[in-house]
């Protein structure tokens, strides 16, 4: 399953504090929850990779779902369009059963906006092509799967 999205820094919150300044790269988490709202797998996690990232918990929804346990993490990236892939497995690597899952994307940046987008998808071995609603700095969100 491929999850695509665009992250565009909101020009009304420049990232450099009062008076403007440099736009900071966003922290972004993409994860999957089952129909009970329990984390199945963190698909992608972008944050500072310095070993002492005190701001990771600001991805509050992901942090609560994952218990703060990092998986599939990499460095932050500049605003742009991206795709990440979920291989339809859970955190232990086992294939998930057919059912309804929630795709979650959370984004934030220092002195910037906060965005959270969620959307249900039915995993039943059939093709999926779904567009999720935009939210603040997250847009053009698509979920596609071709068995």
Protein backbone atom coordinates (compact mmCIF):
# COMPACT_ATOMS: atom_id res chain seq x y z
CA UNK A 1 0.00 0.00 0.00
CA UNK A 2 1.43 3.36 -1.02
CA UNK A 3 0.57 6.46 0.97
CA UNK A 4 1.31 9.75 -0.75
CA UNK A 5 1.12 13.25 0.68
CA UNK A 6 2.38 16.77 0.24
CA UNK A 7 3.72 18.80 3.14
CA UNK A 8 3.65 22.55 2.50
CA UNK A 9 4.86 24.94 5.19
CA UNK A 10 2.11 27.40 6.09
CA UNK A 11 3.36 30.88 5.24
CA UNK A 12 1.54 32.38 8.23
CA UNK A 13 3.77 30.46 10.65
CA UNK A 14 7.28 30.99 9.35
CA UNK A 15 9.14 28.72 11.75
CA UNK A 16 11.68 31.25 12.88
CA UNK A 17 9.66 32.77 15.67
CA UNK A 18 8.38 36.32 15.79
CA UNK A 19 9.37 38.33 12.74
CA UNK A 20 9.90 35.36 10.42
CA UNK A 21 13.00 33.39 9.68
CA UNK A 22 13.97 29.93 8.53
CA UNK A 23 11.23 27.33 8.08
CA UNK A 24 12.15 24.25 10.08
CA UNK A 25 11.74 20.79 8.60
CA UNK A 26 8.65 19.03 9.92
CA UNK A 27 8.44 16.00 12.14
CA UNK A 28 6.15 13.52 10.40
CA UNK A 29 4.77 10.17 11.52
CA UNK A 30 2.79 7.78 9.33
CA UNK A 31 1.27 4.77 11.04
CA UNK A 32 -1.52 2.22 10.77
CA UNK A 33 -4.11 1.36 13.44
CA UNK A 34 -6.57 -1.52 13.51
CA UNK A 35 -10.34 -1.11 13.89
CA UNK A 36 -9.92 -0.98 17.69
CA UNK A 37 -7.55 2.00 17.39
CA UNK A 38 -4.47 -0.03 18.34
CA UNK A 39 -1.16 0.60 16.56
CA UNK A 40 -0.42 -2.05 13.94
CA UNK A 41 2.78 -0.56 12.57
CA UNK A 42 4.71 2.67 12.26
CA UNK A 43 5.26 3.02 8.53
CA UNK A 44 7.54 6.05 8.66
CA UNK A 45 8.83 8.45 11.30
CA UNK A 46 10.84 11.57 10.44
CA UNK A 47 12.53 13.40 13.28
CA UNK A 48 15.93 14.59 14.46
CA UNK A 49 18.40 11.74 14.43
CA UNK A 50 20.75 12.97 17.14
CA UNK A 51 19.92 10.40 19.82
CA UNK A 52 18.55 13.02 22.19
CA UNK A 53 15.43 14.21 20.45
CA UNK A 54 13.41 15.80 23.22
CA UNK A 55 10.63 16.89 20.82
CA UNK A 56 9.57 13.47 19.55
CA UNK A 57 6.72 13.34 22.06
CA UNK A 58 5.22 16.42 20.35
CA UNK A 59 3.94 13.99 17.72
CA UNK A 60 1.34 13.38 20.39
CA UNK A 61 -1.04 11.00 18.60
CA UNK A 62 1.73 8.80 17.22
CA UNK A 63 3.62 8.94 20.53
CA UNK A 64 0.55 7.78 22.44
CA UNK A 65 -0.23 5.01 19.94
CA UNK A 66 3.37 3.77 19.73
CA UNK A 67 4.34 4.36 23.32
CA UNK A 68 7.23 6.46 22.04
CA UNK A 69 8.92 3.40 20.55
CA UNK A 70 10.76 4.36 17.37
CA UNK A 71 10.47 2.23 14.27
CA UNK A 72 11.25 2.94 10.63
CA UNK A 73 12.67 6.33 11.54
CA UNK A 74 14.77 8.66 9.42
CA UNK A 75 15.80 12.30 9.38
CA UNK A 76 13.40 15.18 8.81
CA UNK A 77 12.84 16.31 5.23
CA UNK A 78 12.06 19.64 3.65
CA UNK A 79 8.50 20.45 2.61
CA UNK A 80 7.54 18.58 -0.56
CA UNK A 81 5.64 15.62 -1.95
CA UNK A 82 6.45 12.16 -0.61
CA UNK A 83 5.33 8.55 -0.70
CA UNK A 84 5.79 5.86 1.92
CA UNK A 85 4.84 2.20 1.63
CA UNK A 86 3.13 -0.15 4.05
CA UNK A 87 3.80 -3.81 3.26
CA UNK A 88 0.57 -4.96 4.99
CA UNK A 89 2.47 -6.43 7.91
CA UNK A 90 2.31 -5.63 11.60
CA UNK A 91 5.20 -4.49 13.79
CA UNK A 92 6.43 -8.08 14.17
CA UNK A 93 6.46 -8.64 10.41
CA UNK A 94 3.38 -10.90 10.27
CA UNK A 95 0.88 -10.31 7.47
CA UNK A 96 -2.26 -8.49 8.64
CA UNK A 97 -5.69 -10.04 8.27
CA UNK A 98 -8.33 -8.59 5.97
CA UNK A 99 -10.22 -5.83 7.71
CA UNK A 100 -10.59 -2.12 8.21
CA UNK A 101 -7.49 -0.15 9.11
CA UNK A 102 -6.87 3.52 9.75
CA UNK A 103 -4.06 5.36 8.00
CA UNK A 104 -2.73 8.15 10.22
CA UNK A 105 -0.41 11.00 9.24
CA UNK A 106 0.73 13.54 11.82
CA UNK A 107 2.98 16.52 11.10
CA UNK A 108 4.36 19.41 13.10
CA UNK A 109 7.30 21.73 13.18
CA UNK A 110 8.84 24.12 15.65
CA UNK A 111 6.94 27.43 15.65
CA UNK A 112 4.68 26.01 12.96
CA UNK A 113 1.33 24.41 12.46
CA UNK A 114 0.11 21.01 13.60
CA UNK A 115 -1.65 18.64 11.20
CA UNK A 116 -3.33 15.28 11.71
CA UNK A 117 -5.10 13.31 8.98
CA UNK A 118 -6.74 9.93 9.43
CA UNK A 119 -8.76 7.79 7.09
CA UNK A 120 -10.14 4.27 7.05
CA UNK A 121 -9.25 1.78 4.35
CA UNK A 122 -10.64 -1.71 3.84
CA UNK A 123 -7.90 -4.26 3.27
CA UNK A 124 -9.57 -7.20 1.54
CA UNK A 125 -7.16 -8.17 -1.22
CA UNK A 126 -8.81 -5.76 -3.65
CA UNK A 127 -7.52 -2.54 -5.18
CA UNK A 128 -7.72 0.63 -3.10
CA UNK A 129 -7.61 4.19 -4.37
CA UNK A 130 -8.66 6.75 -1.80
CA UNK A 131 -8.08 10.45 -1.21
CA UNK A 132 -8.06 11.80 2.34
CA UNK A 133 -9.01 15.33 3.35
CA UNK A 134 -6.35 18.03 3.56
CA UNK A 135 -5.45 19.39 6.99
CA UNK A 136 -3.43 22.58 7.51
CA UNK A 137 0.00 21.75 6.02
CA UNK A 138 -0.80 18.22 4.78
CA UNK A 139 -2.52 17.91 1.39
CA UNK A 140 -2.91 15.72 -1.70
CA UNK A 141 -3.13 12.65 0.55
CA UNK A 142 -3.70 9.42 -1.34
CA UNK A 143 -3.84 5.78 -0.34
CA UNK A 144 -3.37 3.25 -3.13
CA UNK A 145 -3.05 -0.50 -3.21
CA UNK A 146 -2.94 -2.89 -6.13
CA UNK A 147 -2.89 -6.59 -5.15
